[in-house]
Amino acid sequence: ILSVNGGEGFTSAVVGPKEVGMSLFGPYLIGVELAAILLLAGIVGAYHLGRRKKVSTHRFLEETSK
């Protein structure tokens, strides 16, 4: 990631992931966290609603051919 030092132009500097994350999401941290929780709840709910239910019958209720 490039940074600017005064008016000297661009120089390369190593910036850690924590600084990048804070600069991107710093002011909106609570909003980003709430959106992540809502998306996770939506994924779990979609999985729960979309899964196929296993049909189970008791062995005494099954019809047997004799």
C-alpha atoms as a PDB file:
ATOM      1  CA  ILE A   1       0.000   0.000   0.000  1.00  0.00           C
ATOM      2  CA  LEU A   2       1.334   3.388  -0.905  1.00  0.00           C
ATOM      3  CA  SER A   3       1.387   6.368   1.381  1.00  0.00           C
ATOM      4  CA  VAL A   4       2.212  10.016   0.847  1.00  0.00           C
ATOM      5  CA  ASN A   5       4.985  11.692   2.820  1.00  0.00           C
ATOM      6  CA  GLY A   6       4.460  15.457   2.777  1.00  0.00           C
ATOM      7  CA  GLY A   7       4.803  16.750  -0.781  1.00  0.00           C
ATOM      8  CA  GLU A   8       7.653  14.459  -1.748  1.00  0.00           C
ATOM      9  CA  GLY A   9       5.485  12.084  -3.765  1.00  0.00           C
ATOM     10  CA  PHE A  10       4.593   8.478  -3.263  1.00  0.00           C
ATOM     11  CA  THR A  11       6.765   6.142  -1.271  1.00  0.00           C
ATOM     12  CA  SER A  12       6.009   2.574  -0.384  1.00  0.00           C
ATOM     13  CA  ALA A  13       5.339   1.719   3.230  1.00  0.00           C
ATOM     14  CA  VAL A  14       4.209  -1.492   4.873  1.00  0.00           C
ATOM     15  CA  VAL A  15       0.799  -1.135   6.474  1.00  0.00           C
ATOM     16  CA  GLY A  16      -0.574  -3.892   8.679  1.00  0.00           C
ATOM     17  CA  PRO A  17      -4.005  -5.459   8.300  1.00  0.00           C
ATOM     18  CA  LYS A  18      -5.252  -3.899  11.534  1.00  0.00           C
ATOM     19  CA  GLU A  19      -4.600  -0.379  10.230  1.00  0.00           C
ATOM     20  CA  VAL A  20      -6.306  -1.187   6.919  1.00  0.00           C
ATOM     21  CA  GLY A  21      -9.337  -2.615   8.709  1.00  0.00           C
ATOM     22  CA  MET A  22      -9.637   0.343  11.043  1.00  0.00           C
ATOM     23  CA  SER A  23      -9.371   2.823   8.171  1.00  0.00           C
ATOM     24  CA  LEU A  24     -12.045   0.987   6.165  1.00  0.00           C
ATOM     25  CA  PHE A  25     -14.528   0.084   8.894  1.00  0.00           C
ATOM     26  CA  GLY A  26     -13.559   2.351  11.808  1.00  0.00           C
ATOM     27  CA  PRO A  27     -16.437   4.850  11.719  1.00  0.00           C
ATOM     28  CA  TYR A  28     -18.959   2.176  10.715  1.00  0.00           C
ATOM     29  CA  LEU A  29     -17.837  -0.675  12.962  1.00  0.00           C
ATOM     30  CA  ILE A  30     -21.211  -1.200  14.673  1.00  0.00           C
ATOM     31  CA  GLY A  31     -23.053  -1.115  11.341  1.00  0.00           C
ATOM     32  CA  VAL A  32     -20.680  -3.639   9.800  1.00  0.00           C
ATOM     33  CA  GLU A  33     -21.014  -5.960  12.805  1.00  0.00           C
ATOM     34  CA  LEU A  34     -24.828  -5.754  12.723  1.00  0.00           C
ATOM     35  CA  ALA A  35     -24.876  -6.445   8.991  1.00  0.00           C
ATOM     36  CA  ALA A  36     -22.627  -9.476   9.526  1.00  0.00           C
ATOM     37  CA  ILE A  37     -24.927 -10.845  12.230  1.00  0.00           C
ATOM     38  CA  LEU A  38     -28.006 -10.339  10.039  1.00  0.00           C
ATOM     39  CA  LEU A  39     -26.334 -12.051   7.083  1.00  0.00           C
ATOM     40  CA  LEU A  40     -25.295 -14.987   9.256  1.00  0.00           C
ATOM     41  CA  ALA A  41     -28.830 -15.311  10.632  1.00  0.00           C
ATOM     42  CA  GLY A  42     -30.178 -15.234   7.073  1.00  0.00           C
ATOM     43  CA  ILE A  43     -27.821 -17.980   5.943  1.00  0.00           C
ATOM     44  CA  VAL A  44     -28.715 -20.194   8.909  1.00  0.00           C
ATOM     45  CA  GLY A  45     -32.437 -19.555   8.367  1.00  0.00           C
ATOM     46  CA  ALA A  46     -32.219 -20.313   4.641  1.00  0.00           C
ATOM     47  CA  TYR A  47     -30.412 -23.563   5.376  1.00  0.00           C
ATOM     48  CA  HIS A  48     -32.984 -24.530   7.974  1.00  0.00           C
ATOM     49  CA  LEU A  49     -35.932 -23.764   5.691  1.00  0.00           C
ATOM     50  CA  GLY A  50     -34.356 -25.366   2.634  1.00  0.00           C
ATOM     51  CA  ARG A  51     -33.261 -28.683   4.034  1.00  0.00           C
ATOM     52  CA  ARG A  52     -35.291 -31.757   3.216  1.00  0.00           C
ATOM     53  CA  LYS A  53     -36.988 -33.443   6.079  1.00  0.00           C
ATOM     54  CA  LYS A  54     -36.361 -37.138   6.482  1.00  0.00           C
ATOM     55  CA  VAL A  55     -39.566 -39.140   6.354  1.00  0.00           C
ATOM     56  CA  SER A  56     -39.461 -41.767   9.033  1.00  0.00           C
ATOM     57  CA  THR A  57     -42.103 -44.362   9.651  1.00  0.00           C
ATOM     58  CA  HIS A  58     -42.214 -46.810  12.463  1.00  0.00           C
ATOM     59  CA  ARG A  59     -41.504 -50.396  11.491  1.00  0.00           C
ATOM     60  CA  PHE A  60     -44.890 -51.544  12.854  1.00  0.00           C
ATOM     61  CA  LEU A  61     -46.727 -49.052  10.648  1.00  0.00           C
ATOM     62  CA  GLU A  62     -45.088 -50.182   7.400  1.00  0.00           C
ATOM     63  CA  GLU A  63     -47.160 -52.377   5.130  1.00  0.00           C
ATOM     64  CA  THR A  64     -45.753 -55.823   4.598  1.00  0.00           C
ATOM     65  CA  SER A  65     -46.577 -58.038   1.670  1.00  0.00           C
ATOM     66  CA  LYS A  66     -47.457 -61.602   2.610  1.00  0.00           C
END
